[in-house]
Amino acid sequence: MISSTESTATLEVDSPPELGPSAESAAAGHARVLLFSLAGHRHCAGLGSVREIIPVQAATSLPGAPDHVRGLINLRGSIVTVIDATMCEYGVAAGGAGASILLVERGSRVAGVVVDEVHDLGLLDKDIPIDALLDLGAMVQMALA
């Protein structure tokens, strides 16, 4: 079961907001997830590895890179590899006015993951398996390998 808990256009998730005692007990059986769209399909991913959400920006392409690798961006002086999650999952390029880049940490490395639209933060019941849950860290690991 996915339920919406808060809404934001730009989100930094370096440290999750403090939960009060009643919110902690309600959230005990739930995982906090980020809800987003890829090719018209709703997906979610755990907040653990998502560091920040930024607007899409032009990437410098890498010759010979796979189709799902958009290229490199300069983010505040750091070079970040950007991959297209929609291309990875559905074989079509992400895009549109609502597209964003999720900065995802995998170990000591950071990569950008382009999604079509970020919707909301939500709670996912930990006992319910869901096909829409994506492992962004694994996607980044594959791209950076």
C-alpha atoms as a PDB file:
ATOM      1  CA  MET A   1       0.000   0.000   0.000  1.00  0.00           C
ATOM      2  CA  ILE A   2       1.441   3.368  -1.011  1.00  0.00           C
ATOM      3  CA  SER A   3       0.190   6.519   0.668  1.00  0.00           C
ATOM      4  CA  SER A   4       1.213  10.109   0.085  1.00  0.00           C
ATOM      5  CA  THR A   5       2.705  11.925   3.070  1.00  0.00           C
ATOM      6  CA  GLU A   6       4.225  15.130   1.748  1.00  0.00           C
ATOM      7  CA  SER A   7       4.764  17.024  -1.487  1.00  0.00           C
ATOM      8  CA  THR A   8       7.702  19.058  -2.807  1.00  0.00           C
ATOM      9  CA  ALA A   9       9.109  20.390  -6.071  1.00  0.00           C
ATOM     10  CA  THR A  10      12.766  20.396  -5.068  1.00  0.00           C
ATOM     11  CA  LEU A  11      13.862  17.938  -2.430  1.00  0.00           C
ATOM     12  CA  GLU A  12      17.049  17.352  -0.510  1.00  0.00           C
ATOM     13  CA  VAL A  13      17.074  14.163   1.498  1.00  0.00           C
ATOM     14  CA  ASP A  14      20.465  14.310   3.227  1.00  0.00           C
ATOM     15  CA  SER A  15      18.676  13.752   6.534  1.00  0.00           C
ATOM     16  CA  PRO A  16      15.062  12.645   6.790  1.00  0.00           C
ATOM     17  CA  PRO A  17      12.737  14.914   8.745  1.00  0.00           C
ATOM     18  CA  GLU A  18      12.299  14.147  12.423  1.00  0.00           C
ATOM     19  CA  LEU A  19       9.278  12.013  13.199  1.00  0.00           C
ATOM     20  CA  GLY A  20       7.204  12.549  16.328  1.00  0.00           C
ATOM     21  CA  PRO A  21       6.324   9.608  18.611  1.00  0.00           C
ATOM     22  CA  SER A  22       2.953   8.935  16.932  1.00  0.00           C
ATOM     23  CA  ALA A  23       4.437   9.238  13.428  1.00  0.00           C
ATOM     24  CA  GLU A  24       7.286   6.868  14.377  1.00  0.00           C
ATOM     25  CA  SER A  25       4.899   4.130  15.501  1.00  0.00           C
ATOM     26  CA  ALA A  26       2.706   4.607  12.382  1.00  0.00           C
ATOM     27  CA  ALA A  27       5.781   4.458  10.139  1.00  0.00           C
ATOM     28  CA  ALA A  28       7.364   1.452  11.935  1.00  0.00           C
ATOM     29  CA  GLY A  29       5.941  -1.050   9.433  1.00  0.00           C
ATOM     30  CA  HIS A  30       6.524   1.207   6.449  1.00  0.00           C
ATOM     31  CA  ALA A  31       9.457   2.334   4.330  1.00  0.00           C
ATOM     32  CA  ARG A  32       9.753   5.914   3.060  1.00  0.00           C
ATOM     33  CA  VAL A  33       9.844   5.971  -0.738  1.00  0.00           C
ATOM     34  CA  LEU A  34      10.070   8.515  -3.523  1.00  0.00           C
ATOM     35  CA  LEU A  35       7.281   8.199  -6.107  1.00  0.00           C
ATOM     36  CA  PHE A  36       8.118   8.968  -9.756  1.00  0.00           C
ATOM     37  CA  SER A  37       7.130   8.106 -13.332  1.00  0.00           C
ATOM     38  CA  LEU A  38       9.018   6.315 -16.094  1.00  0.00           C
ATOM     39  CA  ALA A  39       7.352   6.137 -19.519  1.00  0.00           C
ATOM     40  CA  GLY A  40       3.924   6.710 -17.988  1.00  0.00           C
ATOM     41  CA  HIS A  41       4.381   3.967 -15.352  1.00  0.00           C
ATOM     42  CA  ARG A  42       4.493   4.832 -11.652  1.00  0.00           C
ATOM     43  CA  HIS A  43       7.523   3.584  -9.739  1.00  0.00           C
ATOM     44  CA  CYS A  44       9.039   4.141  -6.334  1.00  0.00           C
ATOM     45  CA  ALA A  45      12.468   3.841  -4.772  1.00  0.00           C
ATOM     46  CA  GLY A  46      13.698   3.883  -1.201  1.00  0.00           C
ATOM     47  CA  LEU A  47      14.979   7.234   0.013  1.00  0.00           C
ATOM     48  CA  GLY A  48      18.127   5.734   1.506  1.00  0.00           C
ATOM     49  CA  SER A  49      20.376   6.309  -1.490  1.00  0.00           C
ATOM     50  CA  VAL A  50      18.721   9.415  -3.016  1.00  0.00           C
ATOM     51  CA  ARG A  51      20.800  12.417  -1.991  1.00  0.00           C
ATOM     52  CA  GLU A  52      19.139  15.231  -3.936  1.00  0.00           C
ATOM     53  CA  ILE A  53      16.775  16.011  -6.808  1.00  0.00           C
ATOM     54  CA  ILE A  54      17.875  18.543  -9.421  1.00  0.00           C
ATOM     55  CA  PRO A  55      16.405  19.819 -12.707  1.00  0.00           C
ATOM     56  CA  VAL A  56      17.493  18.078 -15.899  1.00  0.00           C
ATOM     57  CA  GLN A  57      20.480  19.705 -17.553  1.00  0.00           C
ATOM     58  CA  ALA A  58      22.395  19.067 -20.739  1.00  0.00           C
ATOM     59  CA  ALA A  59      24.958  16.272 -20.432  1.00  0.00           C
ATOM     60  CA  THR A  60      28.189  15.900 -22.374  1.00  0.00           C
ATOM     61  CA  SER A  61      27.858  12.617 -24.245  1.00  0.00           C
ATOM     62  CA  LEU A  62      30.391   9.838 -23.902  1.00  0.00           C
ATOM     63  CA  PRO A  63      31.415   8.225 -27.220  1.00  0.00           C
ATOM     64  CA  GLY A  64      30.783   4.472 -27.183  1.00  0.00           C
ATOM     65  CA  ALA A  65      28.649   4.590 -24.014  1.00  0.00           C
ATOM     66  CA  PRO A  66      25.468   2.474 -23.865  1.00  0.00           C
ATOM     67  CA  ASP A  67      22.180   4.160 -24.810  1.00  0.00           C
ATOM     68  CA  HIS A  68      21.053   4.450 -21.184  1.00  0.00           C
ATOM     69  CA  VAL A  69      24.098   6.603 -20.295  1.00  0.00           C
ATOM     70  CA  ARG A  70      23.225  10.223 -21.116  1.00  0.00           C
ATOM     71  CA  GLY A  71      26.712  11.496 -20.363  1.00  0.00           C
ATOM     72  CA  LEU A  72      28.436  13.702 -17.806  1.00  0.00           C
ATOM     73  CA  ILE A  73      27.364  16.881 -16.011  1.00  0.00           C
ATOM     74  CA  ASN A  74      29.358  19.292 -13.886  1.00  0.00           C
ATOM     75  CA  LEU A  75      27.526  19.609 -10.584  1.00  0.00           C
ATOM     76  CA  ARG A  76      29.075  22.224  -8.306  1.00  0.00           C
ATOM     77  CA  GLY A  77      32.567  21.266  -9.474  1.00  0.00           C
ATOM     78  CA  SER A  78      32.066  17.493  -9.408  1.00  0.00           C
ATOM     79  CA  ILE A  79      31.708  15.379 -12.541  1.00  0.00           C
ATOM     80  CA  VAL A  80      28.592  13.190 -12.336  1.00  0.00           C
ATOM     81  CA  THR A  81      27.606  10.384 -14.720  1.00  0.00           C
ATOM     82  CA  VAL A  82      23.938  10.631 -15.722  1.00  0.00           C
ATOM     83  CA  ILE A  83      21.882   7.600 -16.716  1.00  0.00           C
ATOM     84  CA  ASP A  84      18.345   7.443 -18.083  1.00  0.00           C
ATOM     85  CA  ALA A  85      16.123   5.206 -15.932  1.00  0.00           C
ATOM     86  CA  THR A  86      13.345   5.177 -18.544  1.00  0.00           C
ATOM     87  CA  MET A  87      15.800   3.926 -21.173  1.00  0.00           C
ATOM     88  CA  CYS A  88      17.021   1.227 -18.739  1.00  0.00           C
ATOM     89  CA  GLU A  89      13.502   0.008 -17.921  1.00  0.00           C
ATOM     90  CA  TYR A  90      11.487   0.631 -21.117  1.00  0.00           C
ATOM     91  CA  GLY A  91      13.928   1.362 -23.951  1.00  0.00           C
ATOM     92  CA  VAL A  92      12.700   4.944 -24.549  1.00  0.00           C
ATOM     93  CA  ALA A  93      14.364   8.196 -23.535  1.00  0.00           C
ATOM     94  CA  ALA A  94      13.075  10.118 -20.523  1.00  0.00           C
ATOM     95  CA  GLY A  95      11.984  13.635 -21.162  1.00  0.00           C
ATOM     96  CA  GLY A  96       9.313  16.228 -20.821  1.00  0.00           C
ATOM     97  CA  ALA A  97       8.838  19.346 -18.795  1.00  0.00           C
ATOM     98  CA  GLY A  98       8.640  17.462 -15.485  1.00  0.00           C
ATOM     99  CA  ALA A  99      11.860  15.446 -15.900  1.00  0.00           C
ATOM    100  CA  SER A 100      14.365  15.525 -13.033  1.00  0.00           C
ATOM    101  CA  ILE A 101      17.712  14.034 -12.090  1.00  0.00           C
ATOM    102  CA  LEU A 102      17.891  12.019  -8.875  1.00  0.00           C
ATOM    103  CA  LEU A 103      21.403  12.102  -7.415  1.00  0.00           C
ATOM    104  CA  VAL A 104      21.938   8.582  -6.114  1.00  0.00           C
ATOM    105  CA  GLU A 105      24.798   7.408  -3.902  1.00  0.00           C
ATOM    106  CA  ARG A 106      26.284   3.965  -4.353  1.00  0.00           C
ATOM    107  CA  GLY A 107      29.163   3.452  -1.970  1.00  0.00           C
ATOM    108  CA  SER A 108      31.427   6.481  -2.317  1.00  0.00           C
ATOM    109  CA  ARG A 109      30.209   7.297  -5.841  1.00  0.00           C
ATOM    110  CA  VAL A 110      27.313   9.473  -6.978  1.00  0.00           C
ATOM    111  CA  ALA A 111      25.437   9.250 -10.271  1.00  0.00           C
ATOM    112  CA  GLY A 112      22.438  11.052 -11.703  1.00  0.00           C
ATOM    113  CA  VAL A 113      19.327   9.073 -12.647  1.00  0.00           C
ATOM    114  CA  VAL A 114      16.885  10.818 -14.998  1.00  0.00           C
ATOM    115  CA  VAL A 115      13.185  10.144 -14.366  1.00  0.00           C
ATOM    116  CA  ASP A 116      10.205  11.516 -16.301  1.00  0.00           C
ATOM    117  CA  GLU A 117       8.513  13.128 -13.299  1.00  0.00           C
ATOM    118  CA  VAL A 118       8.904  13.140  -9.524  1.00  0.00           C
ATOM    119  CA  HIS A 119       5.531  12.981  -7.785  1.00  0.00           C
ATOM    120  CA  ASP A 120       5.770  12.744  -4.033  1.00  0.00           C
ATOM    121  CA  LEU A 121       7.189  11.085  -0.963  1.00  0.00           C
ATOM    122  CA  GLY A 122       5.191   8.197   0.413  1.00  0.00           C
ATOM    123  CA  LEU A 123       5.092   5.236   2.747  1.00  0.00           C
ATOM    124  CA  LEU A 124       5.289   1.671   1.480  1.00  0.00           C
ATOM    125  CA  ASP A 125       4.088  -1.209   3.645  1.00  0.00           C
ATOM    126  CA  LYS A 126       7.231  -3.314   4.174  1.00  0.00           C
ATOM    127  CA  ASP A 127       5.256  -6.586   4.062  1.00  0.00           C
ATOM    128  CA  ILE A 128       3.808  -6.052   0.571  1.00  0.00           C
ATOM    129  CA  PRO A 129       6.073  -6.966  -2.378  1.00  0.00           C
ATOM    130  CA  ILE A 130       5.704  -4.442  -5.179  1.00  0.00           C
ATOM    131  CA  ASP A 131       6.982  -4.653  -8.746  1.00  0.00           C
ATOM    132  CA  ALA A 132       7.150  -0.859  -9.050  1.00  0.00           C
ATOM    133  CA  LEU A 133       9.937  -0.622  -6.437  1.00  0.00           C
ATOM    134  CA  LEU A 134      13.235   0.064  -8.237  1.00  0.00           C
ATOM    135  CA  ASP A 135      16.699  -0.391  -6.794  1.00  0.00           C
ATOM    136  CA  LEU A 136      18.324   2.855  -7.969  1.00  0.00           C
ATOM    137  CA  GLY A 137      21.594   1.927  -6.269  1.00  0.00           C
ATOM    138  CA  ALA A 138      21.861  -1.238  -8.395  1.00  0.00           C
ATOM    139  CA  MET A 139      21.017   0.767 -11.508  1.00  0.00           C
ATOM    140  CA  VAL A 140      23.811   3.207 -10.685  1.00  0.00           C
ATOM    141  CA  GLN A 141      26.244   0.363  -9.910  1.00  0.00           C
ATOM    142  CA  MET A 142      25.524  -1.165 -13.332  1.00  0.00           C
ATOM    143  CA  ALA A 143      26.103   2.175 -15.066  1.00  0.00           C
ATOM    144  CA  LEU A 144      29.339   2.914 -13.225  1.00  0.00           C
ATOM    145  CA  ALA A 145      30.806  -0.590 -13.657  1.00  0.00           C
END
